[in-house]
Amino acid sequence: MWRVTDKFNAVGTSGKEYVIVEMSDLPEGASADSLDPEGTRSRKHMLEDGRALNTEKDGTFILVETDEVLKATSPSAQVRA
């Protein structure tokens, strides 16, 4: 079951700020706190408004609809249940 396990802020090459949502495929009844430390469970990322992202190996993200490059920033956004 896909659940929100993290949220973090990002800035695009345009200077616009975004919130990226990380979803993890957790077994039924598991919580985000029980994620495996090796990070072997499936994860996907999207913008908080639902727009699709491609995840790059170096931790950058590409906004599918515009090809804008996004980079994570600090501090992270708070996960809202």
C-alpha atoms as a PDB file:
ATOM      1  CA  MET A   1       0.000   0.000   0.000  1.00  0.00           C
ATOM      2  CA  TRP A   2       1.470   3.363  -1.030  1.00  0.00           C
ATOM      3  CA  ARG A   3       1.758   5.867   1.819  1.00  0.00           C
ATOM      4  CA  VAL A   4       3.417   9.259   2.320  1.00  0.00           C
ATOM      5  CA  THR A   5       6.693   8.663   4.146  1.00  0.00           C
ATOM      6  CA  ASP A   6       8.488  11.973   3.618  1.00  0.00           C
ATOM      7  CA  LYS A   7       8.036  15.500   2.306  1.00  0.00           C
ATOM      8  CA  PHE A   8      10.759  17.957   1.485  1.00  0.00           C
ATOM      9  CA  ASN A   9      11.190  21.357  -0.088  1.00  0.00           C
ATOM     10  CA  ALA A  10      12.809  21.830  -3.483  1.00  0.00           C
ATOM     11  CA  VAL A  11      13.713  24.741  -5.746  1.00  0.00           C
ATOM     12  CA  GLY A  12      13.465  24.552  -9.510  1.00  0.00           C
ATOM     13  CA  THR A  13      15.819  26.054 -12.057  1.00  0.00           C
ATOM     14  CA  SER A  14      13.167  28.773 -12.533  1.00  0.00           C
ATOM     15  CA  GLY A  15      13.563  29.775  -8.873  1.00  0.00           C
ATOM     16  CA  LYS A  16      10.066  28.525  -8.031  1.00  0.00           C
ATOM     17  CA  GLU A  17       9.677  26.579  -4.763  1.00  0.00           C
ATOM     18  CA  TYR A  18       7.986  23.174  -4.600  1.00  0.00           C
ATOM     19  CA  VAL A  19       7.143  20.489  -2.035  1.00  0.00           C
ATOM     20  CA  ILE A  20       8.083  16.950  -3.089  1.00  0.00           C
ATOM     21  CA  VAL A  21       6.182  14.023  -1.578  1.00  0.00           C
ATOM     22  CA  GLU A  22       7.864  10.642  -1.171  1.00  0.00           C
ATOM     23  CA  MET A  23       5.579   7.613  -1.180  1.00  0.00           C
ATOM     24  CA  SER A  24       6.725   4.174  -0.040  1.00  0.00           C
ATOM     25  CA  ASP A  25       5.129   0.822  -0.699  1.00  0.00           C
ATOM     26  CA  LEU A  26       4.507  -0.426   2.849  1.00  0.00           C
ATOM     27  CA  PRO A  27       2.948  -3.729   3.883  1.00  0.00           C
ATOM     28  CA  GLU A  28      -0.599  -3.542   5.260  1.00  0.00           C
ATOM     29  CA  GLY A  29      -0.518  -2.389   8.904  1.00  0.00           C
ATOM     30  CA  ALA A  30       3.077  -1.089   8.763  1.00  0.00           C
ATOM     31  CA  SER A  31       3.936   2.501   9.597  1.00  0.00           C
ATOM     32  CA  ALA A  32       6.420   4.888   8.022  1.00  0.00           C
ATOM     33  CA  ASP A  33       8.511   4.531  11.199  1.00  0.00           C
ATOM     34  CA  SER A  34       9.098   0.853  10.387  1.00  0.00           C
ATOM     35  CA  LEU A  35      10.825   1.507   7.052  1.00  0.00           C
ATOM     36  CA  ASP A  36      13.842  -0.679   6.480  1.00  0.00           C
ATOM     37  CA  PRO A  37      17.113   1.231   6.955  1.00  0.00           C
ATOM     38  CA  GLU A  38      18.559  -0.186   3.714  1.00  0.00           C
ATOM     39  CA  GLY A  39      15.789   1.500   1.736  1.00  0.00           C
ATOM     40  CA  THR A  40      14.882  -1.625  -0.216  1.00  0.00           C
ATOM     41  CA  ARG A  41      11.147  -0.902  -0.401  1.00  0.00           C
ATOM     42  CA  SER A  42       9.767   0.716  -3.529  1.00  0.00           C
ATOM     43  CA  ARG A  43       9.519   4.506  -3.468  1.00  0.00           C
ATOM     44  CA  LYS A  44       8.099   7.107  -5.806  1.00  0.00           C
ATOM     45  CA  HIS A  45       8.062  10.893  -5.794  1.00  0.00           C
ATOM     46  CA  MET A  46       5.562  13.509  -6.936  1.00  0.00           C
ATOM     47  CA  LEU A  47       4.807  17.137  -6.229  1.00  0.00           C
ATOM     48  CA  GLU A  48       2.418  17.878  -3.382  1.00  0.00           C
ATOM     49  CA  ASP A  49      -0.171  18.993  -5.966  1.00  0.00           C
ATOM     50  CA  GLY A  50       0.073  15.583  -7.683  1.00  0.00           C
ATOM     51  CA  ARG A  51       2.199  16.522 -10.705  1.00  0.00           C
ATOM     52  CA  ALA A  52       4.536  13.776 -11.893  1.00  0.00           C
ATOM     53  CA  LEU A  53       8.294  13.760 -11.306  1.00  0.00           C
ATOM     54  CA  ASN A  54      11.122  11.673 -12.673  1.00  0.00           C
ATOM     55  CA  THR A  55      13.680  10.837  -9.984  1.00  0.00           C
ATOM     56  CA  GLU A  56      17.339  11.096 -10.986  1.00  0.00           C
ATOM     57  CA  LYS A  57      20.101   9.021  -9.367  1.00  0.00           C
ATOM     58  CA  ASP A  58      21.896  12.050  -7.922  1.00  0.00           C
ATOM     59  CA  GLY A  59      18.875  13.227  -5.914  1.00  0.00           C
ATOM     60  CA  THR A  60      17.518  15.708  -8.395  1.00  0.00           C
ATOM     61  CA  PHE A  61      14.034  15.536  -9.842  1.00  0.00           C
ATOM     62  CA  ILE A  62      12.608  16.459 -13.239  1.00  0.00           C
ATOM     63  CA  LEU A  63       9.096  17.937 -13.429  1.00  0.00           C
ATOM     64  CA  VAL A  64       7.580  15.854 -16.262  1.00  0.00           C
ATOM     65  CA  GLU A  65       5.272  18.515 -17.721  1.00  0.00           C
ATOM     66  CA  THR A  66       7.991  21.185 -18.113  1.00  0.00           C
ATOM     67  CA  ASP A  67      11.342  19.323 -17.847  1.00  0.00           C
ATOM     68  CA  GLU A  68      12.319  21.749 -15.062  1.00  0.00           C
ATOM     69  CA  VAL A  69      15.100  20.432 -12.800  1.00  0.00           C
ATOM     70  CA  LEU A  70      14.331  20.480  -9.055  1.00  0.00           C
ATOM     71  CA  LYS A  71      16.862  20.257  -6.211  1.00  0.00           C
ATOM     72  CA  ALA A  72      15.993  19.524  -2.574  1.00  0.00           C
ATOM     73  CA  THR A  73      16.543  22.296  -0.009  1.00  0.00           C
ATOM     74  CA  SER A  74      16.491  22.600   3.778  1.00  0.00           C
ATOM     75  CA  PRO A  75      14.610  22.675   6.015  1.00  0.00           C
ATOM     76  CA  SER A  76      12.288  19.860   4.997  1.00  0.00           C
ATOM     77  CA  ALA A  77       8.529  20.273   4.843  1.00  0.00           C
ATOM     78  CA  GLN A  78       6.603  18.561   7.624  1.00  0.00           C
ATOM     79  CA  VAL A  79       4.685  15.386   6.803  1.00  0.00           C
ATOM     80  CA  ARG A  80       0.975  15.853   7.443  1.00  0.00           C
ATOM     81  CA  ALA A  81      -0.952  12.671   8.163  1.00  0.00           C
END
